[in-house]
Amino acid sequence: MKTISTREFCSAVALVAGLMFGAHTFAADISQSKAAGWVCEQDDGYARVAKPNAPADVKAMVGAVNGQRKAKYQRIAQKNGVPVDQVARLTAKKVIGAAPQYRCN
C-alpha cells in the first residue's frame, strides 16, 4: 500500500483545513458550535454532534460538513492512490492537534 508523502499530506491538510476553517459557509457556525460544546472532532476525520439535545440545524450542519469532508478526502485519496480513511485519519490528527479541546471523548 502506498503511503502519503509529507508534502502530499501537508497539501491535504491545507485543503481540508481550508474547507473546515476557511471561508466556507459553515466555518463560523461549526466553530461556534464547537465552542458551545455541541460539536466535536473524531479521530476518523469527521465531526460529530456531541450532545443528543443539539439543535436540528447543528445536526444538519454536521451532516453537510461531513459530506463535504468525505468528498475532499476521496479526491485526495484518489489523487495519491491511498485509502480514503488514511487521508481522513491523518487529517484528523493534524486538526485535533491544532485544537485538542474539540476532540470527542
C-alpha atoms as a PDB file:
ATOM      1  CA  MET A   1       0.000   0.000   0.000  1.00  0.00           C
ATOM      2  CA  LYS A   2       1.272   3.443  -0.916  1.00  0.00           C
ATOM      3  CA  THR A   3       1.708   5.992   1.840  1.00  0.00           C
ATOM      4  CA  ILE A   4       1.306   9.734   1.544  1.00  0.00           C
ATOM      5  CA  SER A   5       4.492  11.788   1.435  1.00  0.00           C
ATOM      6  CA  THR A   6       4.929  14.671   3.862  1.00  0.00           C
ATOM      7  CA  ARG A   7       4.411  17.167   1.059  1.00  0.00           C
ATOM      8  CA  GLU A   8       1.221  15.465  -0.124  1.00  0.00           C
ATOM      9  CA  PHE A   9      -0.026  15.229   3.437  1.00  0.00           C
ATOM     10  CA  CYS A  10       0.610  18.926   4.091  1.00  0.00           C
ATOM     11  CA  SER A  11      -1.287  19.776   0.906  1.00  0.00           C
ATOM     12  CA  ALA A  12      -4.166  17.563   2.002  1.00  0.00           C
ATOM     13  CA  VAL A  13      -4.264  19.116   5.454  1.00  0.00           C
ATOM     14  CA  ALA A  14      -4.212  22.611   3.996  1.00  0.00           C
ATOM     15  CA  LEU A  15      -7.100  21.787   1.687  1.00  0.00           C
ATOM     16  CA  VAL A  16      -9.191  20.171   4.391  1.00  0.00           C
ATOM     17  CA  ALA A  17      -8.355  22.855   6.947  1.00  0.00           C
ATOM     18  CA  GLY A  18      -9.477  25.441   4.434  1.00  0.00           C
ATOM     19  CA  LEU A  19     -12.682  23.503   3.989  1.00  0.00           C
ATOM     20  CA  MET A  20     -13.231  23.306   7.731  1.00  0.00           C
ATOM     21  CA  PHE A  21     -11.899  26.630   8.987  1.00  0.00           C
ATOM     22  CA  GLY A  22     -11.673  28.911   5.963  1.00  0.00           C
ATOM     23  CA  ALA A  23     -14.224  30.915   4.043  1.00  0.00           C
ATOM     24  CA  HIS A  24     -16.616  28.001   3.905  1.00  0.00           C
ATOM     25  CA  THR A  25     -20.221  28.886   4.697  1.00  0.00           C
ATOM     26  CA  PHE A  26     -20.327  26.564   7.682  1.00  0.00           C
ATOM     27  CA  ALA A  27     -16.931  27.583   9.094  1.00  0.00           C
ATOM     28  CA  ALA A  28     -18.176  30.168  11.581  1.00  0.00           C
ATOM     29  CA  ASP A  29     -21.173  28.064  12.525  1.00  0.00           C
ATOM     30  CA  ILE A  30     -19.164  24.900  13.134  1.00  0.00           C
ATOM     31  CA  SER A  31     -16.543  26.830  15.082  1.00  0.00           C
ATOM     32  CA  GLN A  32     -19.264  28.397  17.207  1.00  0.00           C
ATOM     33  CA  SER A  33     -20.939  25.022  17.655  1.00  0.00           C
ATOM     34  CA  LYS A  34     -17.649  23.504  18.804  1.00  0.00           C
ATOM     35  CA  ALA A  35     -17.086  26.353  21.244  1.00  0.00           C
ATOM     36  CA  ALA A  36     -20.614  25.860  22.601  1.00  0.00           C
ATOM     37  CA  GLY A  37     -19.932  22.143  23.081  1.00  0.00           C
ATOM     38  CA  TRP A  38     -22.474  20.945  20.505  1.00  0.00           C
ATOM     39  CA  VAL A  39     -19.885  19.548  18.063  1.00  0.00           C
ATOM     40  CA  CYS A  40     -16.602  17.687  18.488  1.00  0.00           C
ATOM     41  CA  GLU A  41     -13.907  16.242  16.190  1.00  0.00           C
ATOM     42  CA  GLN A  42     -13.455  12.485  15.926  1.00  0.00           C
ATOM     43  CA  ASP A  43     -10.203  10.610  15.277  1.00  0.00           C
ATOM     44  CA  ASP A  44     -11.635   9.369  11.966  1.00  0.00           C
ATOM     45  CA  GLY A  45     -11.593  12.834  10.358  1.00  0.00           C
ATOM     46  CA  TYR A  46     -15.260  13.653  10.782  1.00  0.00           C
ATOM     47  CA  ALA A  47     -17.208  15.899  13.126  1.00  0.00           C
ATOM     48  CA  ARG A  48     -19.843  14.529  15.478  1.00  0.00           C
ATOM     49  CA  VAL A  49     -22.765  16.015  17.343  1.00  0.00           C
ATOM     50  CA  ALA A  50     -21.501  15.875  20.919  1.00  0.00           C
ATOM     51  CA  LYS A  51     -24.842  16.277  22.692  1.00  0.00           C
ATOM     52  CA  PRO A  52     -28.030  14.391  21.812  1.00  0.00           C
ATOM     53  CA  ASN A  53     -30.115  17.504  22.509  1.00  0.00           C
ATOM     54  CA  ALA A  54     -28.230  19.614  19.951  1.00  0.00           C
ATOM     55  CA  PRO A  55     -30.466  21.818  17.794  1.00  0.00           C
ATOM     56  CA  ALA A  56     -31.641  20.344  14.496  1.00  0.00           C
ATOM     57  CA  ASP A  57     -29.716  22.950  12.490  1.00  0.00           C
ATOM     58  CA  VAL A  58     -26.470  21.917  14.215  1.00  0.00           C
ATOM     59  CA  LYS A  59     -27.162  18.259  13.379  1.00  0.00           C
ATOM     60  CA  ALA A  60     -27.867  19.174   9.753  1.00  0.00           C
ATOM     61  CA  MET A  61     -24.727  21.302   9.567  1.00  0.00           C
ATOM     62  CA  VAL A  62     -22.573  18.423  10.872  1.00  0.00           C
ATOM     63  CA  GLY A  63     -24.046  16.141   8.205  1.00  0.00           C
ATOM     64  CA  ALA A  64     -23.329  18.681   5.465  1.00  0.00           C
ATOM     65  CA  VAL A  65     -19.783  19.383   6.690  1.00  0.00           C
ATOM     66  CA  ASN A  66     -19.027  15.665   6.902  1.00  0.00           C
ATOM     67  CA  GLY A  67     -20.334  15.151   3.379  1.00  0.00           C
ATOM     68  CA  GLN A  68     -18.001  17.858   2.111  1.00  0.00           C
ATOM     69  CA  ARG A  69     -15.087  16.432   4.058  1.00  0.00           C
ATOM     70  CA  LYS A  70     -15.725  12.945   2.671  1.00  0.00           C
ATOM     71  CA  ALA A  71     -15.765  14.278  -0.901  1.00  0.00           C
ATOM     72  CA  LYS A  72     -12.487  16.144  -0.290  1.00  0.00           C
ATOM     73  CA  TYR A  73     -10.871  13.091   1.339  1.00  0.00           C
ATOM     74  CA  GLN A  74     -11.931  10.947  -1.621  1.00  0.00           C
ATOM     75  CA  ARG A  75     -10.388  13.355  -4.135  1.00  0.00           C
ATOM     76  CA  ILE A  76      -7.113  13.499  -2.198  1.00  0.00           C
ATOM     77  CA  ALA A  77      -7.031   9.722  -1.734  1.00  0.00           C
ATOM     78  CA  GLN A  78      -7.699   9.069  -5.414  1.00  0.00           C
ATOM     79  CA  LYS A  79      -5.057  11.578  -6.488  1.00  0.00           C
ATOM     80  CA  ASN A  80      -2.464   9.931  -4.249  1.00  0.00           C
ATOM     81  CA  GLY A  81      -3.516   6.296  -4.607  1.00  0.00           C
ATOM     82  CA  VAL A  82      -4.161   5.772  -0.908  1.00  0.00           C
ATOM     83  CA  PRO A  83      -7.218   4.684   1.093  1.00  0.00           C
ATOM     84  CA  VAL A  84      -9.748   7.384   1.979  1.00  0.00           C
ATOM     85  CA  ASP A  85      -9.631   6.502   5.664  1.00  0.00           C
ATOM     86  CA  GLN A  86      -5.857   7.071   5.696  1.00  0.00           C
ATOM     87  CA  VAL A  87      -6.328  10.622   4.425  1.00  0.00           C
ATOM     88  CA  ALA A  88      -9.159  11.235   6.900  1.00  0.00           C
ATOM     89  CA  ARG A  89      -7.246   9.916   9.921  1.00  0.00           C
ATOM     90  CA  LEU A  90      -4.051  11.797   9.083  1.00  0.00           C
ATOM     91  CA  THR A  91      -6.030  14.985   8.661  1.00  0.00           C
ATOM     92  CA  ALA A  92      -7.842  14.374  11.954  1.00  0.00           C
ATOM     93  CA  LYS A  93      -4.520  14.094  13.787  1.00  0.00           C
ATOM     94  CA  LYS A  94      -3.449  17.471  12.437  1.00  0.00           C
ATOM     95  CA  VAL A  95      -6.791  19.193  13.065  1.00  0.00           C
ATOM     96  CA  ILE A  96      -7.160  17.781  16.585  1.00  0.00           C
ATOM     97  CA  GLY A  97      -3.534  18.638  17.305  1.00  0.00           C
ATOM     98  CA  ALA A  98      -4.295  22.264  16.454  1.00  0.00           C
ATOM     99  CA  ALA A  99      -7.431  22.340  18.631  1.00  0.00           C
ATOM    100  CA  PRO A 100      -7.357  19.432  21.104  1.00  0.00           C
ATOM    101  CA  GLN A 101     -10.161  20.911  23.203  1.00  0.00           C
ATOM    102  CA  TYR A 102     -12.614  19.981  20.434  1.00  0.00           C
ATOM    103  CA  ARG A 103     -11.693  16.290  20.309  1.00  0.00           C
ATOM    104  CA  CYS A 104     -14.561  13.931  21.038  1.00  0.00           C
ATOM    105  CA  ASN A 105     -14.179  11.909  24.227  1.00  0.00           C
END
